[in-house]
Amino acid sequence: MSSNAENEASQVLTSKPFKTLEELYAGLSNLTLWPEIRDLRKSAEYVYSGIDINDVTKPLTKCNRNEKPKTLVCHDMKGGYLDDRFIFGSDAHDSYVFYHWSGVDSFIYFSHHLVTIPPYGWINAAHTHGVKVLGTVITEWKDGERIWKEIFSSEAEIKRFADALVSLATFYKFDGWLVNVENKIDEDDVDKLIFFVKYLTDNIHAAIEGSEVIWYDSVTMKGELKWQNELNDLNKCFFEVCDGIFLNYNWTDSGLASSHNNAVAGNRVRDIYVGLDVWGRGCPGGGGFQSEYSANDSEGKPFFNLSVQSPQISTPSPHLEILNQPEITEPKVVPASNILNKNETETAAGQAASTESDLKKKVEDIVYDTKKSFVKVHGHSIVFTDKTLDSELNYFKYCSSYSFNGGGCLEIITSNPRLFHRLFLIQVTSSHGIQVSIVYRMETCGQDQCELLLVVSNNGNLKLVSKYQTEELNYAWKKNLYITNFDRITEIGVAASKKGRITLGEIVVQDKQAGYRDNQDLGTLISDINY
């Protein structure tokens, strides 16, 4: 094959599901090799509560990870395998991209095919942020009943199916499965289904460290397709042989209380996931995948490839914090003509129109107040109106005007130089000390008169680090190097010595290099942060 033909073939390499058992078993011996798949980054043993995340006047309080709820995101987008199926990306501009990895423990890629393998890009993006990725096993309706009848024909067939799932997860380096049985099961076969779930769970645990099998609340111990919306005696048999249960969306407060009580005895309250349907129905810009910049045309060629997503910021921007909770009421039902003409329209009989076709819901405006904007929600549209900014407000936002390494940068806006910008909650350790480099551009910050400072948390204490040296790069970019003797960093932020705007292009954290290890004169560059 010529080099051009090989290149064209590589560009159409895709992630694919298996739609039938026959397809699955035939494909196991000829699985498509993907480029290098990233290993799951190890997570810290602690988390932060988030209550005081925007308070940069003090260090954050650590919480034991095992004492806090876990968060699972189930990605269900138009049947799956859209532009995210391409291994080397696509030229799409409106594909769904997930940014808030820091708040997620596990990510499920969902589709309605029998065996859903998470696409390459999602695995890499999630693993970069320490998030587990699960595929989906789903059977539905009459076809689902037939599939399980075939699987249940013998213990060997049950093990064959489970072993195939373990093999797929091992080959493609993802972390487990959501099992979703959306069809009836003969009551005589329920024990076989329980055996399958247990066998799959035990064997994937043996093959993949930290792997998970999650049961979706669907079939009961009687074989009925009857969603319980809670953990109870009808679905507990499946929960007891796997790593968790994903409850259906129609739960109630009393059902959650009952679920809690059913899981307390085994200390498994954290293994109950409560479904919330947060499907997007419009976003900034009036719908679709727009943003507040959607009046602007992109000059560059669109590009979508989750595998090249850089680690995302793990703290929210303080200006997005909602300061009020407006009362949300049921939209009023009024005659459609009233909405269109604002005039009272009557039928021939002199009565207001009241048929269903003549009635429409009047959508009420809901206005939220943030530090930077008024956010008006009207139906499916969202409009941001900037306020006159608080002179003390520091914030950051995505900037598409420049790019040092990727599709954009982070713009830091400093109104109060006494406060820093909290960006990443991380865990980095080194026996030799840690150094950090930051590539940046000075926009409106007094140029050389403004210094970019590094902020780190060292064993719970916030430290301000001045630059060790500066390197001039191309196109007004500079690189600052910051040297420390710290053996552990759990937080990274930046501060500006003057008011203005600075664009960040790259932050690199690494072991202190050999040339700097003997330098003991760092005391003048590192100081405590006191407010």
Protein backbone atom coordinates (compact mmCIF):
# COMPACT_ATOMS: atom_id res chain seq x y z
CA MET A 1 0.00 0.00 0.00
CA SER A 2 1.36 3.45 -0.89
CA SER A 3 2.06 6.01 1.82
CA ASN A 4 -0.85 8.16 0.62
CA ALA A 5 -3.23 5.20 0.72
CA GLU A 6 -2.00 4.24 4.20
CA ASN A 7 -2.54 7.81 5.37
CA GLU A 8 -6.06 7.88 3.96
CA ALA A 9 -6.86 4.54 5.61
CA SER A 10 -5.62 5.79 8.97
CA GLN A 11 -7.88 8.81 8.77
CA VAL A 12 -11.02 6.64 8.55
CA LEU A 13 -10.06 4.34 11.43
CA THR A 14 -13.05 4.35 13.75
CA SER A 15 -14.35 3.06 17.06
CA LYS A 16 -17.24 0.62 16.51
CA PRO A 17 -19.81 -1.29 18.57
CA PHE A 18 -20.80 -4.93 18.20
CA LYS A 19 -24.43 -5.29 17.19
CA THR A 20 -24.91 -9.05 17.55
CA LEU A 21 -23.41 -11.98 19.43
CA GLU A 22 -22.18 -13.44 16.16
CA GLU A 23 -20.43 -10.20 15.30
CA LEU A 24 -18.88 -10.05 18.78
CA TYR A 25 -17.48 -13.56 18.81
CA ALA A 26 -16.20 -13.35 15.24
CA GLY A 27 -14.54 -10.01 15.92
CA LEU A 28 -12.63 -11.03 19.04
CA SER A 29 -9.90 -12.69 17.04
CA ASN A 30 -9.44 -9.68 14.77
CA LEU A 31 -9.76 -6.58 16.96
CA THR A 32 -8.56 -3.33 15.39
CA LEU A 33 -5.42 -1.95 16.99
CA TRP A 34 -5.66 1.68 18.08
CA PRO A 35 -2.82 4.11 18.67
CA GLU A 36 -1.44 4.21 22.21
CA ILE A 37 -4.25 4.36 24.78
CA ARG A 38 -3.50 6.32 27.92
CA ASP A 39 -3.47 4.58 31.27
CA LEU A 40 -5.89 5.73 33.95
CA ARG A 41 -4.25 8.47 35.98
CA LYS A 42 -4.22 7.65 39.68
CA SER A 43 -6.58 9.80 41.75
CA ALA A 44 -5.75 11.34 45.11
CA GLU A 45 -7.12 9.76 48.26
CA TYR A 46 -8.89 13.02 49.10
CA VAL A 47 -11.31 15.48 47.47
CA TYR A 48 -12.34 19.06 48.16
CA SER A 49 -15.86 19.93 49.23
CA GLY A 50 -16.28 22.77 46.74
CA ILE A 51 -18.20 24.97 49.16
CA ASP A 52 -15.33 27.43 49.49
CA ILE A 53 -13.73 26.78 46.10
CA ASN A 54 -14.02 30.42 45.03
CA ASP A 55 -12.56 31.74 48.27
CA VAL A 56 -8.91 32.39 47.43
CA THR A 57 -8.11 33.89 50.80
CA LYS A 58 -7.42 30.51 52.41
CA PRO A 59 -6.36 26.96 51.57
CA LEU A 60 -9.07 24.44 50.73
CA THR A 61 -10.17 21.83 53.25
CA LYS A 62 -9.48 18.24 52.25
CA CYS A 63 -12.13 15.54 52.65
CA ASN A 64 -11.72 11.76 52.65
CA ARG A 65 -12.71 10.56 49.17
CA ASN A 66 -14.30 7.40 50.57
CA GLU A 67 -16.71 9.44 52.67
CA LYS A 68 -18.13 11.53 49.82
CA PRO A 69 -20.67 10.64 47.09
CA LYS A 70 -19.39 9.51 43.70
CA THR A 71 -20.52 11.05 40.42
CA LEU A 72 -21.20 9.08 37.24
CA VAL A 73 -21.89 10.66 33.86
CA CYS A 74 -23.74 8.62 31.24
CA HIS A 75 -23.13 9.97 27.74
CA ASP A 76 -26.22 9.36 25.59
CA MET A 77 -25.91 11.41 22.41
CA LYS A 78 -28.13 10.55 19.42
CA GLY A 79 -27.24 6.87 19.50
CA GLY A 80 -23.51 7.46 19.90
CA TYR A 81 -20.60 6.98 17.48
CA LEU A 82 -20.94 10.35 15.81
CA ASP A 83 -17.82 12.43 15.12
CA ASP A 84 -16.31 10.97 18.27
CA ARG A 85 -15.93 7.60 16.49
CA PHE A 86 -12.99 8.81 14.37
CA ILE A 87 -9.69 7.78 15.95
CA PHE A 88 -7.77 10.70 14.44
CA GLY A 89 -10.49 13.30 14.83
CA SER A 90 -12.73 15.04 12.34
CA ASP A 91 -13.32 18.52 10.95
CA ALA A 92 -16.58 18.92 12.89
CA HIS A 93 -17.19 22.19 14.74
CA ASP A 94 -20.33 21.40 16.74
CA SER A 95 -19.60 18.03 18.36
CA TYR A 96 -20.17 17.48 22.06
CA VAL A 97 -17.07 17.99 24.22
CA PHE A 98 -16.95 17.38 27.96
CA TYR A 99 -14.87 19.72 30.14
CA HIS A 100 -15.78 19.19 33.78
CA TRP A 101 -13.80 16.03 34.46
CA SER A 102 -12.73 17.14 37.92
CA GLY A 103 -16.23 16.51 39.28
CA VAL A 104 -16.62 13.01 37.81
CA ASP A 105 -15.59 9.56 39.06
CA SER A 106 -16.83 7.36 36.21
CA PHE A 107 -17.94 8.05 32.62
CA ILE A 108 -20.27 5.69 30.73
CA TYR A 109 -20.42 5.73 26.95
CA PHE A 110 -23.95 4.67 26.02
CA SER A 111 -25.60 3.49 22.83
CA HIS A 112 -28.40 1.10 21.89
CA HIS A 113 -26.12 -1.46 20.26
CA LEU A 114 -25.58 -4.77 22.02
CA VAL A 115 -21.98 -4.07 23.07
CA THR A 116 -20.85 -0.46 23.16
CA ILE A 117 -17.08 0.08 23.21
CA PRO A 118 -16.15 3.61 24.37
CA PRO A 119 -14.48 5.51 21.52
CA TYR A 120 -10.73 6.07 21.61
CA GLY A 121 -10.94 9.81 22.27
CA TRP A 122 -13.26 9.47 25.27
CA ILE A 123 -10.99 6.86 26.87
CA ASN A 124 -7.93 9.07 26.49
CA ALA A 125 -9.64 12.27 27.65
CA ALA A 126 -11.13 10.57 30.72
CA HIS A 127 -7.96 8.72 31.69
CA THR A 128 -5.97 11.95 31.41
CA HIS A 129 -8.16 13.31 34.22
CA GLY A 130 -8.24 10.18 36.37
CA VAL A 131 -11.80 9.27 35.37
CA LYS A 132 -12.85 5.64 34.76
CA VAL A 133 -14.56 4.82 31.45
CA LEU A 134 -17.27 2.16 31.12
CA GLY A 135 -18.84 0.64 28.03
CA THR A 136 -22.46 -0.50 27.83
CA VAL A 137 -24.11 -3.88 27.40
CA ILE A 138 -27.76 -3.42 26.48
CA THR A 139 -30.51 -5.74 25.30
CA GLU A 140 -34.00 -4.52 24.44
CA TRP A 141 -37.45 -5.91 23.80
CA LYS A 142 -38.04 -9.16 21.88
CA ASP A 143 -34.60 -9.18 20.30
CA GLY A 144 -33.12 -8.86 23.78
CA GLU A 145 -35.11 -11.82 25.03
CA ARG A 146 -33.76 -13.91 22.16
CA ILE A 147 -30.17 -12.89 22.88
CA TRP A 148 -30.37 -13.88 26.54
CA LYS A 149 -32.02 -17.18 25.65
CA GLU A 150 -28.98 -17.95 23.53
CA ILE A 151 -26.58 -16.89 26.29
CA PHE A 152 -28.48 -18.86 28.93
CA SER A 153 -28.39 -22.06 26.88
CA SER A 154 -25.47 -23.28 29.01
CA GLU A 155 -23.03 -22.15 31.67
CA ALA A 156 -20.31 -22.25 29.04
CA GLU A 157 -22.22 -19.74 26.89
CA ILE A 158 -22.72 -17.43 29.86
CA LYS A 159 -19.00 -17.49 30.58
CA ARG A 160 -18.22 -17.06 26.90
CA PHE A 161 -20.19 -13.81 26.74
CA ALA A 162 -18.72 -12.46 29.99
CA ASP A 163 -15.19 -13.45 28.99
CA ALA A 164 -15.64 -11.61 25.69
CA LEU A 165 -16.58 -8.45 27.57
CA VAL A 166 -13.54 -8.77 29.83
CA SER A 167 -11.32 -9.29 26.79
CA LEU A 168 -12.67 -6.15 25.09
CA ALA A 169 -12.13 -3.98 28.16
CA THR A 170 -8.61 -5.37 28.58
CA PHE A 171 -7.69 -4.90 24.90
CA TYR A 172 -9.00 -1.33 24.66
CA LYS A 173 -7.94 -0.40 28.21
CA PHE A 174 -11.28 0.86 29.52
CA ASP A 175 -12.58 0.20 33.01
CA GLY A 176 -15.76 -1.85 32.99
CA TRP A 177 -19.39 -2.08 31.94
CA LEU A 178 -22.88 -0.79 32.51
CA VAL A 179 -25.28 -3.75 32.21
CA ASN A 180 -28.71 -2.64 31.02
CA VAL A 181 -31.29 -5.40 30.46
CA GLU A 182 -34.33 -3.66 28.96
CA ASN A 183 -36.41 -6.78 28.28
CA LYS A 184 -38.22 -9.49 30.17
CA ILE A 185 -36.30 -12.52 31.44
CA ASP A 186 -37.96 -15.86 32.12
CA GLU A 187 -38.20 -16.23 35.88
CA ASP A 188 -36.44 -19.58 35.61
CA ASP A 189 -33.45 -17.79 34.03
CA VAL A 190 -33.04 -15.02 36.63
CA ASP A 191 -30.48 -17.05 38.59
CA LYS A 192 -28.48 -17.39 35.38
CA LEU A 193 -28.56 -13.62 34.91
CA ILE A 194 -27.33 -13.11 38.49
CA PHE A 195 -24.57 -15.64 37.82
CA PHE A 196 -23.58 -13.73 34.66
CA VAL A 197 -23.34 -10.40 36.52
CA LYS A 198 -21.27 -11.95 39.33
CA TYR A 199 -19.00 -13.86 36.97
CA LEU A 200 -18.41 -10.72 34.86
CA THR A 201 -17.70 -8.62 37.96
CA ASP A 202 -15.29 -11.12 39.52
CA ASN A 203 -13.36 -11.71 36.32
CA ILE A 204 -13.03 -8.09 35.24
CA HIS A 205 -11.78 -7.25 38.74
CA ALA A 206 -9.12 -9.92 38.32
CA ALA A 207 -8.12 -8.61 34.89
CA ILE A 208 -8.29 -4.82 35.39
CA GLU A 209 -7.39 -3.04 38.62
CA GLY A 210 -10.14 -0.71 39.81
CA SER A 211 -12.65 -1.89 37.20
CA GLU A 212 -16.41 -1.61 37.75
CA VAL A 213 -19.63 -3.30 36.71
CA ILE A 214 -22.77 -1.19 37.23
CA TRP A 215 -26.30 -2.64 37.05
CA TYR A 216 -29.06 -0.49 35.59
CA ASP A 217 -32.39 -0.57 37.46
CA SER A 218 -34.57 -2.45 34.97
CA VAL A 219 -35.29 -6.17 35.36
CA THR A 220 -36.42 -7.51 38.73
CA MET A 221 -35.69 -10.76 40.54
CA LYS A 222 -38.94 -12.07 39.02
CA GLY A 223 -37.73 -11.37 35.49
CA GLU A 224 -40.16 -8.50 34.95
CA LEU A 225 -39.07 -5.40 33.05
CA LYS A 226 -40.22 -3.08 35.80
CA TRP A 227 -38.14 -0.07 36.80
CA GLN A 228 -38.10 0.31 40.57
CA ASN A 229 -36.54 3.78 40.85
CA GLU A 230 -35.03 2.67 44.14
CA LEU A 231 -32.94 -0.11 45.64
CA ASN A 232 -35.27 -2.71 47.10
CA ASP A 233 -35.81 -6.45 47.44
CA LEU A 234 -36.78 -6.75 43.77
CA ASN A 235 -33.43 -5.57 42.37
CA LYS A 236 -31.05 -5.98 45.30
CA CYS A 237 -29.96 -9.43 44.08
CA PHE A 238 -28.13 -7.81 41.15
CA PHE A 239 -26.67 -4.98 43.24
CA GLU A 240 -25.18 -7.47 45.67
CA VAL A 241 -23.02 -9.17 43.00
CA CYS A 242 -21.61 -6.08 41.23
CA ASP A 243 -20.13 -2.67 42.02
CA GLY A 244 -23.19 -0.47 41.95
CA ILE A 245 -26.69 0.25 40.71
CA PHE A 246 -27.81 3.08 38.45
CA LEU A 247 -31.36 3.94 39.51
CA ASN A 248 -33.92 4.93 36.92
CA TYR A 249 -34.81 8.63 36.69
CA ASN A 250 -38.30 8.59 38.25
CA TRP A 251 -37.15 8.35 41.86
CA THR A 252 -38.81 10.01 44.86
CA ASP A 253 -37.49 11.32 48.15
CA SER A 254 -39.07 8.44 50.03
CA GLY A 255 -37.57 5.97 47.54
CA LEU A 256 -34.11 7.44 48.04
CA ALA A 257 -34.49 7.16 51.81
CA SER A 258 -35.49 3.52 51.42
CA SER A 259 -32.54 2.90 49.08
CA HIS A 260 -30.20 4.41 51.65
CA ASN A 261 -31.53 2.15 54.36
CA ASN A 262 -31.16 -0.93 52.14
CA ALA A 263 -27.49 -0.13 51.45
CA VAL A 264 -26.39 0.93 54.94
CA ALA A 265 -25.97 -2.60 56.27
CA GLY A 266 -23.30 -3.45 53.72
CA ASN A 267 -21.72 0.03 53.86
CA ARG A 268 -22.59 0.52 50.19
CA VAL A 269 -24.51 3.78 50.14
CA ARG A 270 -21.90 5.28 47.81
CA ASP A 271 -22.58 2.53 45.26
CA ILE A 272 -26.09 3.81 44.48
CA TYR A 273 -26.19 6.21 41.53
CA VAL A 274 -29.31 8.37 41.21
CA GLY A 275 -30.23 9.28 37.65
CA LEU A 276 -30.73 12.92 36.67
CA ASP A 277 -31.77 13.66 33.10
CA VAL A 278 -29.75 16.70 32.13
CA TRP A 279 -30.08 16.47 28.35
CA GLY A 280 -29.22 19.84 26.84
CA ARG A 281 -32.09 21.68 25.16
CA GLY A 282 -30.29 24.82 24.05
CA CYS A 283 -27.38 26.79 25.42
CA PRO A 284 -25.72 30.23 25.17
CA GLY A 285 -26.30 31.73 21.77
CA GLY A 286 -29.87 30.55 21.34
CA GLY A 287 -29.47 26.82 20.71
CA GLY A 288 -27.25 24.20 19.21
CA PHE A 289 -23.63 24.06 20.27
CA GLN A 290 -23.18 27.81 20.39
CA SER A 291 -21.38 29.89 22.99
CA GLU A 292 -21.42 33.53 23.96
CA TYR A 293 -19.06 34.05 21.00
CA SER A 294 -21.50 32.51 18.47
CA ALA A 295 -21.85 36.01 16.61
CA ASN A 296 -18.12 35.48 15.65
CA ASP A 297 -16.99 33.44 12.62
CA SER A 298 -14.14 30.98 13.15
CA GLU A 299 -11.26 31.74 10.80
CA GLY A 300 -9.54 28.40 11.41
CA LYS A 301 -10.62 25.02 10.11
CA PRO A 302 -12.94 23.22 12.57
CA PHE A 303 -11.34 20.31 14.37
CA PHE A 304 -12.70 17.72 16.79
CA ASN A 305 -10.45 15.19 18.52
CA LEU A 306 -10.97 14.36 22.19
CA SER A 307 -7.65 12.53 22.35
CA VAL A 308 -5.72 15.80 22.16
CA GLN A 309 -7.75 17.49 24.88
CA SER A 310 -5.40 18.98 27.47
CA PRO A 311 -6.10 18.54 31.19
CA GLN A 312 -9.04 20.75 32.01
CA ILE A 313 -9.19 23.31 34.81
CA SER A 314 -10.52 21.69 37.97
CA THR A 315 -11.99 24.77 39.64
CA PRO A 316 -14.93 26.91 38.49
CA SER A 317 -14.52 30.51 37.50
CA PRO A 318 -15.73 32.65 40.42
CA HIS A 319 -17.77 34.97 38.20
CA LEU A 320 -20.07 32.04 37.26
CA GLU A 321 -21.28 31.48 40.82
CA ILE A 322 -25.06 32.03 41.02
CA LEU A 323 -25.86 34.53 43.75
CA ASN A 324 -29.62 34.05 43.84
CA GLN A 325 -32.16 31.26 43.39
CA PRO A 326 -35.19 32.75 41.61
CA GLU A 327 -38.55 31.15 42.15
CA ILE A 328 -39.42 28.84 39.26
CA THR A 329 -43.15 28.49 38.60
CA GLU A 330 -45.14 26.38 36.17
CA PRO A 331 -45.57 28.26 32.85
CA LYS A 332 -49.04 29.76 32.41
CA VAL A 333 -51.41 28.25 29.85
CA VAL A 334 -53.02 30.97 27.75
CA PRO A 335 -54.81 31.12 24.38
CA ALA A 336 -52.30 31.01 21.56
CA SER A 337 -53.80 34.14 20.03
CA ASN A 338 -53.01 36.07 23.19
CA ILE A 339 -49.36 35.26 22.81
CA LEU A 340 -49.29 36.28 19.16
CA ASN A 341 -51.52 39.35 19.12
CA LYS A 342 -51.78 40.43 22.76
CA ASN A 343 -55.50 40.93 22.09
CA GLU A 344 -58.42 39.05 23.58
CA THR A 345 -59.70 36.70 20.89
CA GLU A 346 -63.08 35.03 21.27
CA THR A 347 -64.79 32.21 19.45
CA ALA A 348 -67.95 32.75 17.48
CA ALA A 349 -69.91 31.82 20.58
CA GLY A 350 -68.24 34.63 22.50
CA GLN A 351 -66.12 32.33 24.65
CA ALA A 352 -62.33 32.34 24.86
CA ALA A 353 -60.70 29.58 22.81
CA SER A 354 -60.06 26.57 25.00
CA THR A 355 -59.32 23.61 22.75
CA GLU A 356 -55.92 21.99 23.18
CA SER A 357 -54.78 23.23 19.77
CA ASP A 358 -55.58 26.82 20.74
CA LEU A 359 -53.80 26.69 24.08
CA LYS A 360 -50.07 27.20 24.46
CA LYS A 361 -47.81 27.49 27.44
CA LYS A 362 -46.43 30.93 28.02
CA VAL A 363 -42.76 30.63 28.81
CA GLU A 364 -41.74 32.78 31.75
CA ASP A 365 -38.34 34.49 31.92
CA ILE A 366 -36.07 33.31 34.72
CA VAL A 367 -33.18 35.62 35.60
CA TYR A 368 -30.12 34.47 37.53
CA ASP A 369 -27.64 36.87 39.05
CA THR A 370 -23.89 36.22 38.93
CA LYS A 371 -20.98 38.46 39.85
CA LYS A 372 -20.33 39.28 36.20
CA SER A 373 -23.66 38.91 34.39
CA PHE A 374 -27.41 38.70 34.47
CA VAL A 375 -28.38 35.37 32.92
CA LYS A 376 -31.87 35.30 31.41
CA VAL A 377 -33.36 31.91 30.58
CA HIS A 378 -36.33 32.00 28.21
CA GLY A 379 -37.46 28.55 27.16
CA HIS A 380 -34.46 27.00 25.42
CA SER A 381 -32.51 30.23 24.93
CA ILE A 382 -30.01 31.74 27.35
CA VAL A 383 -28.84 35.36 27.18
CA PHE A 384 -25.91 36.82 29.13
CA THR A 385 -25.93 40.56 29.90
CA ASP A 386 -22.74 41.90 31.43
CA LYS A 387 -22.97 44.05 34.53
CA THR A 388 -20.75 46.96 35.41
CA LEU A 389 -18.02 44.80 36.89
CA ASP A 390 -17.06 44.83 40.52
CA SER A 391 -13.64 46.48 40.72
CA GLU A 392 -12.53 43.63 43.00
CA LEU A 393 -13.60 40.78 40.70
CA ASN A 394 -10.93 38.44 39.34
CA TYR A 395 -11.98 35.82 36.80
CA PHE A 396 -10.77 33.76 33.86
CA LYS A 397 -12.33 32.68 30.56
CA TYR A 398 -11.58 30.77 27.37
CA CYS A 399 -9.81 32.84 24.71
CA SER A 400 -9.95 31.87 21.04
CA SER A 401 -7.86 34.81 19.79
CA TYR A 402 -4.55 33.08 20.44
CA SER A 403 -3.21 29.55 20.57
CA PHE A 404 0.17 28.41 21.86
CA ASN A 405 -0.46 24.68 21.73
CA GLY A 406 -3.98 23.69 20.76
CA GLY A 407 -7.25 25.38 19.92
CA GLY A 408 -7.19 28.26 22.39
CA CYS A 409 -5.90 29.69 25.63
CA LEU A 410 -7.00 30.82 29.07
CA GLU A 411 -7.39 34.54 29.65
CA ILE A 412 -6.77 35.73 33.21
CA ILE A 413 -8.48 39.00 34.14
CA THR A 414 -7.12 40.58 37.33
CA SER A 415 -8.97 43.48 38.95
CA ASN A 416 -7.60 42.88 42.44
CA PRO A 417 -3.87 41.96 42.47
CA ARG A 418 -4.12 41.00 46.14
CA LEU A 419 -6.13 37.88 45.19
CA PHE A 420 -4.89 34.96 43.08
CA HIS A 421 -6.60 32.75 40.48
CA ARG A 422 -7.15 29.15 41.63
CA LEU A 423 -6.87 26.85 38.58
CA PHE A 424 -5.88 23.20 39.20
CA LEU A 425 -6.37 20.84 42.12
CA ILE A 426 -3.72 18.20 41.56
CA GLN A 427 -1.36 15.85 43.37
CA VAL A 428 2.28 15.94 42.30
CA THR A 429 5.12 14.48 44.33
CA SER A 430 8.89 14.47 43.80
CA SER A 431 11.88 13.55 45.92
CA HIS A 432 14.03 16.16 44.17
CA GLY A 433 11.73 19.16 44.32
CA ILE A 434 9.22 20.46 41.76
CA GLN A 435 9.57 23.04 39.03
CA VAL A 436 6.82 24.70 37.01
CA SER A 437 7.01 26.53 33.69
CA ILE A 438 4.27 28.83 32.40
CA VAL A 439 3.98 30.15 28.85
CA TYR A 440 2.00 33.39 28.67
CA ARG A 441 1.35 36.68 26.89
CA MET A 442 0.94 40.06 28.53
CA GLU A 443 -2.16 41.71 27.05
CA THR A 444 -3.07 44.81 29.08
CA CYS A 445 -1.04 44.37 32.23
CA GLY A 446 1.69 46.97 32.02
CA GLN A 447 3.88 44.58 30.03
CA ASP A 448 7.26 44.23 31.79
CA GLN A 449 6.01 46.20 34.79
CA CYS A 450 3.63 43.33 35.66
CA GLU A 451 4.93 40.06 37.04
CA LEU A 452 3.18 36.71 36.67
CA LEU A 453 3.48 34.80 39.95
CA LEU A 454 2.93 31.11 40.62
CA VAL A 455 0.69 30.03 43.50
CA VAL A 456 0.99 26.51 44.90
CA SER A 457 -0.29 24.65 47.92
CA ASN A 458 2.51 22.83 49.72
CA ASN A 459 1.27 20.50 52.47
CA GLY A 460 -1.78 22.68 53.01
CA ASN A 461 0.06 26.01 53.00
CA LEU A 462 -0.41 28.48 50.16
CA LYS A 463 2.89 29.75 48.76
CA LEU A 464 3.65 32.59 46.33
CA VAL A 465 6.56 31.80 43.98
CA SER A 466 8.35 34.45 41.91
CA LYS A 467 9.95 33.56 38.58
CA TYR A 468 13.45 32.11 38.52
CA GLN A 469 14.06 33.09 34.91
CA THR A 470 12.22 34.23 31.77
CA GLU A 471 12.67 33.07 28.19
CA GLU A 472 11.41 35.13 25.24
CA LEU A 473 9.49 33.04 22.70
CA ASN A 474 7.86 33.89 19.36
CA TYR A 475 4.83 36.12 18.80
CA ALA A 476 4.99 37.91 22.18
CA TRP A 477 4.90 34.63 24.13
CA LYS A 478 7.18 34.29 27.15
CA LYS A 479 8.07 31.34 29.35
CA ASN A 480 8.62 31.77 33.09
CA LEU A 481 10.40 29.10 35.09
CA TYR A 482 9.54 28.67 38.78
CA ILE A 483 11.81 26.55 41.02
CA THR A 484 10.83 25.05 44.39
CA ASN A 485 12.20 22.58 46.91
CA PHE A 486 8.68 21.26 47.57
CA ASP A 487 8.23 17.49 47.55
CA ARG A 488 4.45 17.74 47.13
CA ILE A 489 2.04 20.13 45.40
CA THR A 490 -1.74 19.81 45.68
CA GLU A 491 -2.89 23.04 44.04
CA ILE A 492 -1.75 25.39 41.28
CA GLY A 493 -2.84 28.94 40.57
CA VAL A 494 -1.44 32.20 39.28
CA ALA A 495 -1.40 35.80 40.43
CA ALA A 496 -0.61 39.08 38.66
CA SER A 497 1.25 41.87 40.41
CA LYS A 498 -0.88 44.51 38.63
CA LYS A 499 -4.36 44.88 37.20
CA GLY A 500 -4.89 43.70 33.63
CA ARG A 501 -5.20 40.72 31.31
CA ILE A 502 -2.75 37.88 30.82
CA THR A 503 -3.20 34.94 28.43
CA LEU A 504 -1.92 31.52 29.53
CA GLY A 505 -0.76 29.14 26.81
CA GLU A 506 0.85 26.25 28.69
CA ILE A 507 1.62 25.09 32.22
CA VAL A 508 4.13 22.26 32.74
CA VAL A 509 4.80 20.65 36.14
CA GLN A 510 7.81 18.34 36.46
CA ASP A 511 10.66 17.15 38.66
CA LYS A 512 13.22 19.84 39.35
CA GLN A 513 15.92 19.44 36.72
CA ALA A 514 19.47 18.50 37.65
CA GLY A 515 20.90 21.94 36.92
CA TYR A 516 18.71 23.52 39.58
CA ARG A 517 18.84 20.83 42.29
CA ASP A 518 21.85 22.26 44.09
CA ASN A 519 20.49 25.79 44.12
CA GLN A 520 19.69 26.58 47.73
CA ASP A 521 19.02 30.29 47.19
CA LEU A 522 15.24 29.94 46.73
CA GLY A 523 14.11 31.60 49.95
CA THR A 524 13.86 35.03 48.36
CA LEU A 525 11.58 33.67 45.59
CA ILE A 526 9.06 31.86 47.83
CA SER A 527 6.79 33.47 50.39
CA ASP A 528 3.59 32.76 52.32
CA ILE A 529 0.25 34.14 51.13
CA ASN A 530 -1.35 36.15 53.87
CA TYR A 531 -4.70 37.90 53.56
